């Protein structure tokens, strides 16, 4: 899914990989329709295993992890692990 932020200043992409059978999937996302800056912010929930869940005792067992990815020639590349949900935020130059 791709949307502009409410103030239309950032491009927000949501990437979902729902299958374990396909293994990791390498993606190259063409941002040529958006004046992308040099990097994309990435937010991905992470746990130790597929069966992890947040509980009252461990409310942060699955917690968002922040990172960045470079934007090269209007393209951002990432590898999506099985059962991955990732939000990418791209600011303009």
PDB file of N, CA and C in Angstrom:
ATOM      1  N   UNK A   1       0.849  -1.152   0.000  1.00  0.00           N
ATOM      2  CA  UNK A   1       0.000   0.000   0.000  1.00  0.00           C
ATOM      3  C   UNK A   1       0.902   1.223   0.000  1.00  0.00           C
ATOM      4  N   UNK A   2       0.536   2.229  -0.722  1.00  0.00           N
ATOM      5  CA  UNK A   2       1.287   3.483  -0.772  1.00  0.00           C
ATOM      6  C   UNK A   2       0.306   4.644  -0.630  1.00  0.00           C
ATOM      7  N   UNK A   3       0.615   5.550   0.299  1.00  0.00           N
ATOM      8  CA  UNK A   3      -0.205   6.744   0.520  1.00  0.00           C
ATOM      9  C   UNK A   3       0.706   7.916   0.820  1.00  0.00           C
ATOM     10  N   UNK A   4       0.179   9.114   0.637  1.00  0.00           N
ATOM     11  CA  UNK A   4       0.879  10.317   1.079  1.00  0.00           C
ATOM     12  C   UNK A   4       0.424  10.642   2.493  1.00  0.00           C
ATOM     13  N   UNK A   5       1.321  11.203   3.283  1.00  0.00           N
ATOM     14  CA  UNK A   5       0.944  11.643   4.624  1.00  0.00           C
ATOM     15  C   UNK A   5      -0.149  12.700   4.498  1.00  0.00           C
ATOM     16  N   UNK A   6      -0.826  12.977   5.604  1.00  0.00           N
ATOM     17  CA  UNK A   6      -1.940  13.918   5.574  1.00  0.00           C
ATOM     18  C   UNK A   6      -1.529  15.277   5.003  1.00  0.00           C
ATOM     19  N   UNK A   7      -0.321  15.725   5.328  1.00  0.00           N
ATOM     20  CA  UNK A   7       0.149  17.018   4.802  1.00  0.00           C
ATOM     21  C   UNK A   7       0.844  16.873   3.444  1.00  0.00           C
ATOM     22  N   UNK A   8       0.824  15.662   2.884  1.00  0.00           N
ATOM     23  CA  UNK A   8       1.396  15.336   1.576  1.00  0.00           C
ATOM     24  C   UNK A   8       2.896  15.583   1.500  1.00  0.00           C
ATOM     25  N   UNK A   9       3.580  15.566   2.645  1.00  0.00           N
ATOM     26  CA  UNK A   9       5.014  15.817   2.629  1.00  0.00           C
ATOM     27  C   UNK A   9       5.849  14.533   2.589  1.00  0.00           C
ATOM     28  N   UNK A  10       5.246  13.393   2.913  1.00  0.00           N
ATOM     29  CA  UNK A  10       5.988  12.135   2.957  1.00  0.00           C
ATOM     30  C   UNK A  10       5.188  11.033   2.275  1.00  0.00           C
ATOM     31  N   UNK A  11       5.921  10.111   1.669  1.00  0.00           N
ATOM     32  CA  UNK A  11       5.323   8.923   1.074  1.00  0.00           C
ATOM     33  C   UNK A  11       5.424   7.793   2.100  1.00  0.00           C
ATOM     34  N   UNK A  12       4.302   7.129   2.368  1.00  0.00           N
ATOM     35  CA  UNK A  12       4.272   6.040   3.336  1.00  0.00           C
ATOM     36  C   UNK A  12       3.911   4.759   2.593  1.00  0.00           C
ATOM     37  N   UNK A  13       4.779   3.758   2.746  1.00  0.00           N
ATOM     38  CA  UNK A  13       4.582   2.469   2.093  1.00  0.00           C
ATOM     39  C   UNK A  13       4.420   1.390   3.153  1.00  0.00           C
ATOM     40  N   UNK A  14       3.453   0.513   2.972  1.00  0.00           N
ATOM     41  CA  UNK A  14       3.275  -0.641   3.851  1.00  0.00           C
ATOM     42  C   UNK A  14       3.533  -1.891   3.020  1.00  0.00           C
ATOM     43  N   UNK A  15       4.428  -2.741   3.522  1.00  0.00           N
ATOM     44  CA  UNK A  15       4.803  -3.969   2.826  1.00  0.00           C
ATOM     45  C   UNK A  15       4.459  -5.146   3.740  1.00  0.00           C
ATOM     46  N   UNK A  16       3.736  -6.125   3.206  1.00  0.00           N
ATOM     47  CA  UNK A  16       3.343  -7.306   3.967  1.00  0.00           C
ATOM     48  C   UNK A  16       3.793  -8.542   3.206  1.00  0.00           C
ATOM     49  N   UNK A  17       4.464  -9.448   3.910  1.00  0.00           N
ATOM     50  CA  UNK A  17       4.845 -10.750   3.345  1.00  0.00           C
ATOM     51  C   UNK A  17       4.141 -11.805   4.192  1.00  0.00           C
ATOM     52  N   UNK A  18       3.108 -12.434   3.631  1.00  0.00           N
ATOM     53  CA  UNK A  18       2.244 -13.323   4.399  1.00  0.00           C
ATOM     54  C   UNK A  18       2.635 -14.789   4.334  1.00  0.00           C
ATOM     55  N   UNK A  19       3.638 -15.161   3.575  1.00  0.00           N
ATOM     56  CA  UNK A  19       3.920 -16.576   3.341  1.00  0.00           C
ATOM     57  C   UNK A  19       5.274 -17.003   3.891  1.00  0.00           C
ATOM     58  N   UNK A  20       5.299 -18.146   4.559  1.00  0.00           N
ATOM     59  CA  UNK A  20       6.579 -18.720   4.980  1.00  0.00           C
ATOM     60  C   UNK A  20       7.145 -19.593   3.868  1.00  0.00           C
ATOM     61  N   UNK A  21       6.272 -20.132   3.021  1.00  0.00           N
ATOM     62  CA  UNK A  21       6.708 -21.038   1.960  1.00  0.00           C
ATOM     63  C   UNK A  21       7.568 -20.381   0.899  1.00  0.00           C
ATOM     64  N   UNK A  22       7.400 -19.094   0.700  1.00  0.00           N
ATOM     65  CA  UNK A  22       8.164 -18.386  -0.332  1.00  0.00           C
ATOM     66  C   UNK A  22       9.548 -17.974   0.163  1.00  0.00           C
ATOM     67  N   UNK A  23       9.786 -18.056   1.474  1.00  0.00           N
ATOM     68  CA  UNK A  23      11.058 -17.594   2.021  1.00  0.00           C
ATOM     69  C   UNK A  23      11.153 -16.088   1.929  1.00  0.00           C
ATOM     70  N   UNK A  24      12.330 -15.526   2.197  1.00  0.00           N
ATOM     71  CA  UNK A  24      12.510 -14.076   2.081  1.00  0.00           C
ATOM     72  C   UNK A  24      12.291 -13.616   0.637  1.00  0.00           C
ATOM     73  N   UNK A  25      11.742 -12.428   0.495  1.00  0.00           N
ATOM     74  CA  UNK A  25      11.478 -11.873  -0.832  1.00  0.00           C
ATOM     75  C   UNK A  25      12.260 -10.567  -0.974  1.00  0.00           C
ATOM     76  N   UNK A  26      13.078 -10.482  -2.025  1.00  0.00           N
ATOM     77  CA  UNK A  26      13.821  -9.261  -2.316  1.00  0.00           C
ATOM     78  C   UNK A  26      12.938  -8.323  -3.127  1.00  0.00           C
ATOM     79  N   UNK A  27      12.815  -7.082  -2.658  1.00  0.00           N
ATOM     80  CA  UNK A  27      11.964  -6.089  -3.307  1.00  0.00           C
ATOM     81  C   UNK A  27      12.791  -4.881  -3.723  1.00  0.00           C
ATOM     82  N   UNK A  28      12.479  -4.343  -4.881  1.00  0.00           N
ATOM     83  CA  UNK A  28      12.998  -3.048  -5.328  1.00  0.00           C
ATOM     84  C   UNK A  28      11.783  -2.191  -5.631  1.00  0.00           C
ATOM     85  N   UNK A  29      11.652  -1.083  -4.916  1.00  0.00           N
ATOM     86  CA  UNK A  29      10.476  -0.220  -5.060  1.00  0.00           C
ATOM     87  C   UNK A  29      10.888   1.040  -5.793  1.00  0.00           C
ATOM     88  N   UNK A  30      10.270   1.261  -6.941  1.00  0.00           N
ATOM     89  CA  UNK A  30      10.555   2.418  -7.790  1.00  0.00           C
ATOM     90  C   UNK A  30       9.832   3.633  -7.236  1.00  0.00           C
ATOM     91  N   UNK A  31      10.574   4.632  -6.818  1.00  0.00           N
ATOM     92  CA  UNK A  31      10.012   5.860  -6.250  1.00  0.00           C
ATOM     93  C   UNK A  31      10.087   7.025  -7.229  1.00  0.00           C
ATOM     94  N   UNK A  32      10.207   6.744  -8.509  1.00  0.00           N
ATOM     95  CA  UNK A  32      10.451   7.800  -9.494  1.00  0.00           C
ATOM     96  C   UNK A  32       9.328   8.835  -9.569  1.00  0.00           C
ATOM     97  N   UNK A  33       8.128   8.514  -9.115  1.00  0.00           N
ATOM     98  CA  UNK A  33       7.038   9.485  -9.113  1.00  0.00           C
ATOM     99  C   UNK A  33       7.028  10.384  -7.889  1.00  0.00           C
ATOM    100  N   UNK A  34       8.028  10.222  -7.016  1.00  0.00           N
ATOM    101  CA  UNK A  34       8.113  10.996  -5.782  1.00  0.00           C
ATOM    102  C   UNK A  34       9.543  11.509  -5.644  1.00  0.00           C
ATOM    103  N   UNK A  35       9.728  12.775  -5.296  1.00  0.00           N
ATOM    104  CA  UNK A  35      11.087  13.336  -5.192  1.00  0.00           C
ATOM    105  C   UNK A  35      11.774  12.875  -3.897  1.00  0.00           C
ATOM    106  N   UNK A  36      12.156  11.607  -3.854  1.00  0.00           N
ATOM    107  CA  UNK A  36      12.661  10.978  -2.632  1.00  0.00           C
ATOM    108  C   UNK A  36      13.993  11.555  -2.174  1.00  0.00           C
ATOM    109  N   UNK A  37      14.123  11.655  -0.857  1.00  0.00           N
ATOM    110  CA  UNK A  37      15.384  12.035  -0.238  1.00  0.00           C
ATOM    111  C   UNK A  37      16.348  10.864  -0.264  1.00  0.00           C
ATOM    112  N   UNK A  38      17.461  10.962   0.459  1.00  0.00           N
ATOM    113  CA  UNK A  38      18.517   9.951   0.364  1.00  0.00           C
ATOM    114  C   UNK A  38      18.246   8.648   1.107  1.00  0.00           C
ATOM    115  N   UNK A  39      17.233   8.620   1.994  1.00  0.00           N
ATOM    116  CA  UNK A  39      16.970   7.379   2.708  1.00  0.00           C
ATOM    117  C   UNK A  39      15.503   7.279   3.103  1.00  0.00           C
ATOM    118  N   UNK A  40      15.104   6.046   3.412  1.00  0.00           N
ATOM    119  CA  UNK A  40      13.746   5.760   3.875  1.00  0.00           C
ATOM    120  C   UNK A  40      13.834   5.259   5.306  1.00  0.00           C
ATOM    121  N   UNK A  41      12.924   5.719   6.143  1.00  0.00           N
ATOM    122  CA  UNK A  41      12.815   5.207   7.505  1.00  0.00           C
ATOM    123  C   UNK A  41      11.994   3.921   7.451  1.00  0.00           C
ATOM    124  N   UNK A  42      12.432   2.913   8.196  1.00  0.00           N
ATOM    125  CA  UNK A  42      11.739   1.624   8.202  1.00  0.00           C
ATOM    126  C   UNK A  42      11.349   1.285   9.638  1.00  0.00           C
ATOM    127  N   UNK A  43      10.113   0.859   9.817  1.00  0.00           N
ATOM    128  CA  UNK A  43       9.633   0.420  11.126  1.00  0.00           C
ATOM    129  C   UNK A  43       9.044  -0.971  10.942  1.00  0.00           C
ATOM    130  N   UNK A  44       9.589  -1.940  11.676  1.00  0.00           N
ATOM    131  CA  UNK A  44       9.165  -3.323  11.546  1.00  0.00           C
ATOM    132  C   UNK A  44       8.960  -3.931  12.929  1.00  0.00           C
ATOM    133  N   UNK A  45       7.784  -4.508  13.222  1.00  0.00           N
ATOM    134  CA  UNK A  45       7.630  -5.221  14.483  1.00  0.00           C
ATOM    135  C   UNK A  45       8.500  -6.478  14.467  1.00  0.00           C
ATOM    136  N   UNK A  46       9.168  -6.751  15.559  1.00  0.00           N
ATOM    137  CA  UNK A  46      10.048  -7.921  15.621  1.00  0.00           C
ATOM    138  C   UNK A  46       9.805  -8.709  16.899  1.00  0.00           C
ATOM    139  N   UNK A  47       9.831 -10.018  16.751  1.00  0.00           N
ATOM    140  CA  UNK A  47       9.790 -10.935  17.872  1.00  0.00           C
ATOM    141  C   UNK A  47      10.868 -11.978  17.663  1.00  0.00           C
ATOM    142  N   UNK A  48      10.988 -12.887  18.592  1.00  0.00           N
ATOM    143  CA  UNK A  48      12.002 -13.930  18.479  1.00  0.00           C
ATOM    144  C   UNK A  48      11.523 -15.119  17.660  1.00  0.00           C
ATOM    145  N   UNK A  49      10.190 -15.325  17.578  1.00  0.00           N
ATOM    146  CA  UNK A  49       9.658 -16.425  16.790  1.00  0.00           C
ATOM    147  C   UNK A  49       8.268 -16.055  16.281  1.00  0.00           C
ATOM    148  N   UNK A  50       7.767 -16.838  15.347  1.00  0.00           N
ATOM    149  CA  UNK A  50       6.456 -16.595  14.759  1.00  0.00           C
ATOM    150  C   UNK A  50       5.354 -16.690  15.809  1.00  0.00           C
ATOM    151  N   UNK A  51       5.549 -17.517  16.819  1.00  0.00           N
ATOM    152  CA  UNK A  51       4.511 -17.708  17.830  1.00  0.00           C
ATOM    153  C   UNK A  51       4.577 -16.691  18.964  1.00  0.00           C
ATOM    154  N   UNK A  52       5.527 -15.770  18.940  1.00  0.00           N
ATOM    155  CA  UNK A  52       5.613 -14.743  19.983  1.00  0.00           C
ATOM    156  C   UNK A  52       4.338 -13.909  20.013  1.00  0.00           C
ATOM    157  N   UNK A  53       4.008 -13.446  21.198  1.00  0.00           N
ATOM    158  CA  UNK A  53       2.884 -12.532  21.361  1.00  0.00           C
ATOM    159  C   UNK A  53       3.140 -11.661  22.578  1.00  0.00           C
ATOM    160  N   UNK A  54       2.576 -10.493  22.565  1.00  0.00           N
ATOM    161  CA  UNK A  54       2.642  -9.617  23.730  1.00  0.00           C
ATOM    162  C   UNK A  54       1.650 -10.123  24.774  1.00  0.00           C
ATOM    163  N   UNK A  55       2.065 -10.061  26.032  1.00  0.00           N
ATOM    164  CA  UNK A  55       1.214 -10.496  27.136  1.00  0.00           C
ATOM    165  C   UNK A  55       1.227  -9.419  28.213  1.00  0.00           C
ATOM    166  N   UNK A  56       0.406  -9.600  29.227  1.00  0.00           N
ATOM    167  CA  UNK A  56       0.428  -8.663  30.347  1.00  0.00           C
ATOM    168  C   UNK A  56       1.782  -8.682  31.045  1.00  0.00           C
ATOM    169  N   UNK A  57       2.400  -9.849  31.127  1.00  0.00           N
ATOM    170  CA  UNK A  57       3.729  -9.953  31.752  1.00  0.00           C
ATOM    171  C   UNK A  57       4.842  -9.388  30.865  1.00  0.00           C
ATOM    172  N   UNK A  58       4.691  -9.556  29.567  1.00  0.00           N
ATOM    173  CA  UNK A  58       5.702  -9.086  28.607  1.00  0.00           C
ATOM    174  C   UNK A  58       5.020  -8.275  27.502  1.00  0.00           C
ATOM    175  N   UNK A  59       4.612  -7.060  27.828  1.00  0.00           N
ATOM    176  CA  UNK A  59       3.861  -6.263  26.847  1.00  0.00           C
ATOM    177  C   UNK A  59       4.706  -5.769  25.665  1.00  0.00           C
ATOM    178  N   UNK A  60       6.019  -5.887  25.734  1.00  0.00           N
ATOM    179  CA  UNK A  60       6.883  -5.412  24.636  1.00  0.00           C
ATOM    180  C   UNK A  60       7.689  -6.552  24.017  1.00  0.00           C
ATOM    181  N   UNK A  61       7.188  -7.783  24.149  1.00  0.00           N
ATOM    182  CA  UNK A  61       7.899  -8.925  23.559  1.00  0.00           C
ATOM    183  C   UNK A  61       8.035  -8.734  22.042  1.00  0.00           C
ATOM    184  N   UNK A  62       6.964  -8.292  21.423  1.00  0.00           N
ATOM    185  CA  UNK A  62       7.024  -7.918  20.005  1.00  0.00           C
ATOM    186  C   UNK A  62       6.994  -6.398  19.977  1.00  0.00           C
ATOM    187  N   UNK A  63       8.086  -5.812  19.540  1.00  0.00           N
ATOM    188  CA  UNK A  63       8.214  -4.357  19.578  1.00  0.00           C
ATOM    189  C   UNK A  63       8.721  -3.847  18.235  1.00  0.00           C
ATOM    190  N   UNK A  64       8.329  -2.638  17.858  1.00  0.00           N
ATOM    191  CA  UNK A  64       8.811  -2.064  16.603  1.00  0.00           C
ATOM    192  C   UNK A  64      10.316  -1.802  16.653  1.00  0.00           C
ATOM    193  N   UNK A  65      10.981  -2.112  15.559  1.00  0.00           N
ATOM    194  CA  UNK A  65      12.405  -1.845  15.401  1.00  0.00           C
ATOM    195  C   UNK A  65      12.566  -0.823  14.282  1.00  0.00           C
ATOM    196  N   UNK A  66      13.331   0.216  14.544  1.00  0.00           N
ATOM    197  CA  UNK A  66      13.560   1.267  13.546  1.00  0.00           C
ATOM    198  C   UNK A  66      14.900   1.056  12.852  1.00  0.00           C
ATOM    199  N   UNK A  67      14.922   1.386  11.571  1.00  0.00           N
ATOM    200  CA  UNK A  67      16.154   1.357  10.790  1.00  0.00           C
ATOM    201  C   UNK A  67      15.970   2.290   9.595  1.00  0.00           C
ATOM    202  N   UNK A  68      16.982   2.384   8.774  1.00  0.00           N
ATOM    203  CA  UNK A  68      16.886   3.169   7.546  1.00  0.00           C
ATOM    204  C   UNK A  68      17.411   2.339   6.382  1.00  0.00           C
ATOM    205  N   UNK A  69      16.943   2.685   5.205  1.00  0.00           N
ATOM    206  CA  UNK A  69      17.424   2.082   3.962  1.00  0.00           C
ATOM    207  C   UNK A  69      17.809   3.209   3.009  1.00  0.00           C
ATOM    208  N   UNK A  70      18.894   3.032   2.261  1.00  0.00           N
ATOM    209  CA  UNK A  70      19.259   4.068   1.304  1.00  0.00           C
ATOM    210  C   UNK A  70      18.313   4.081   0.104  1.00  0.00           C
ATOM    211  N   UNK A  71      18.117   5.265  -0.450  1.00  0.00           N
ATOM    212  CA  UNK A  71      17.392   5.416  -1.712  1.00  0.00           C
ATOM    213  C   UNK A  71      18.451   5.688  -2.766  1.00  0.00           C
ATOM    214  N   UNK A  72      18.583   4.783  -3.723  1.00  0.00           N
ATOM    215  CA  UNK A  72      19.586   4.901  -4.779  1.00  0.00           C
ATOM    216  C   UNK A  72      18.914   5.050  -6.130  1.00  0.00           C
ATOM    217  N   UNK A  73      19.182   6.148  -6.793  1.00  0.00           N
ATOM    218  CA  UNK A  73      18.608   6.407  -8.123  1.00  0.00           C
ATOM    219  C   UNK A  73      17.089   6.238  -8.129  1.00  0.00           C
ATOM    220  N   UNK A  74      16.425   6.731  -7.076  1.00  0.00           N
ATOM    221  CA  UNK A  74      14.971   6.684  -7.016  1.00  0.00           C
ATOM    222  C   UNK A  74      14.394   5.327  -6.684  1.00  0.00           C
ATOM    223  N   UNK A  75      15.228   4.416  -6.166  1.00  0.00           N
ATOM    224  CA  UNK A  75      14.775   3.074  -5.828  1.00  0.00           C
ATOM    225  C   UNK A  75      15.205   2.727  -4.408  1.00  0.00           C
ATOM    226  N   UNK A  76      14.299   2.121  -3.662  1.00  0.00           N
ATOM    227  CA  UNK A  76      14.641   1.598  -2.342  1.00  0.00           C
ATOM    228  C   UNK A  76      14.493   0.076  -2.415  1.00  0.00           C
ATOM    229  N   UNK A  77      15.492  -0.637  -1.886  1.00  0.00           N
ATOM    230  CA  UNK A  77      15.488  -2.103  -1.928  1.00  0.00           C
ATOM    231  C   UNK A  77      15.464  -2.653  -0.515  1.00  0.00           C
ATOM    232  N   UNK A  78      14.689  -3.717  -0.323  1.00  0.00           N
ATOM    233  CA  UNK A  78      14.656  -4.378   0.974  1.00  0.00           C
ATOM    234  C   UNK A  78      14.368  -5.843   0.788  1.00  0.00           C
ATOM    235  N   UNK A  79      14.738  -6.623   1.778  1.00  0.00           N
ATOM    236  CA  UNK A  79      14.401  -8.041   1.813  1.00  0.00           C
ATOM    237  C   UNK A  79      13.338  -8.217   2.880  1.00  0.00           C
ATOM    238  N   UNK A  80      12.208  -8.760   2.467  1.00  0.00           N
ATOM    239  CA  UNK A  80      11.088  -8.970   3.375  1.00  0.00           C
ATOM    240  C   UNK A  80      11.098 -10.416   3.841  1.00  0.00           C
ATOM    241  N   UNK A  81      11.264 -10.611   5.141  1.00  0.00           N
ATOM    242  CA  UNK A  81      11.251 -11.954   5.718  1.00  0.00           C
ATOM    243  C   UNK A  81       9.825 -12.497   5.728  1.00  0.00           C
ATOM    244  N   UNK A  82       9.659 -13.815   5.829  1.00  0.00           N
ATOM    245  CA  UNK A  82       8.310 -14.371   5.941  1.00  0.00           C
ATOM    246  C   UNK A  82       7.557 -13.773   7.123  1.00  0.00           C
ATOM    247  N   UNK A  83       6.276 -13.575   6.937  1.00  0.00           N
ATOM    248  CA  UNK A  83       5.380 -13.010   7.949  1.00  0.00           C
ATOM    249  C   UNK A  83       5.837 -11.633   8.413  1.00  0.00           C
ATOM    250  N   UNK A  84       6.381 -10.862   7.511  1.00  0.00           N
ATOM    251  CA  UNK A  84       6.896  -9.535   7.857  1.00  0.00           C
ATOM    252  C   UNK A  84       5.876  -8.453   7.506  1.00  0.00           C
ATOM    253  N   UNK A  85       5.831  -7.443   8.354  1.00  0.00           N
ATOM    254  CA  UNK A  85       5.081  -6.237   8.094  1.00  0.00           C
ATOM    255  C   UNK A  85       6.076  -5.090   8.254  1.00  0.00           C
ATOM    256  N   UNK A  86       6.204  -4.257   7.260  1.00  0.00           N
ATOM    257  CA  UNK A  86       7.154  -3.139   7.331  1.00  0.00           C
ATOM    258  C   UNK A  86       6.485  -1.868   6.850  1.00  0.00           C
ATOM    259  N   UNK A  87       6.770  -0.766   7.565  1.00  0.00           N
ATOM    260  CA  UNK A  87       6.310   0.553   7.137  1.00  0.00           C
ATOM    261  C   UNK A  87       7.552   1.349   6.749  1.00  0.00           C
ATOM    262  N   UNK A  88       7.544   1.856   5.520  1.00  0.00           N
ATOM    263  CA  UNK A  88       8.620   2.711   5.036  1.00  0.00           C
ATOM    264  C   UNK A  88       8.083   4.123   4.896  1.00  0.00           C
ATOM    265  N   UNK A  89       8.840   5.090   5.371  1.00  0.00           N
ATOM    266  CA  UNK A  89       8.465   6.502   5.250  1.00  0.00           C
ATOM    267  C   UNK A  89       9.577   7.191   4.477  1.00  0.00           C
ATOM    268  N   UNK A  90       9.198   7.808   3.367  1.00  0.00           N
ATOM    269  CA  UNK A  90      10.173   8.482   2.506  1.00  0.00           C
ATOM    270  C   UNK A  90       9.860   9.972   2.495  1.00  0.00           C
ATOM    271  N   UNK A  91      10.822  10.752   2.924  1.00  0.00           N
ATOM    272  CA  UNK A  91      10.682  12.217   2.890  1.00  0.00           C
ATOM    273  C   UNK A  91      11.248  12.720   1.570  1.00  0.00           C
ATOM    274  N   UNK A  92      10.780  13.861   1.102  1.00  0.00           N
ATOM    275  CA  UNK A  92      11.322  14.410  -0.144  1.00  0.00           C
ATOM    276  C   UNK A  92      12.719  14.995   0.078  1.00  0.00           C
ATOM    277  N   UNK A  93      13.383  15.260  -1.028  1.00  0.00           N
ATOM    278  CA  UNK A  93      14.722  15.867  -0.977  1.00  0.00           C
ATOM    279  C   UNK A  93      14.662  17.210  -0.311  1.00  0.00           C
TER     280      UNK A  93
END
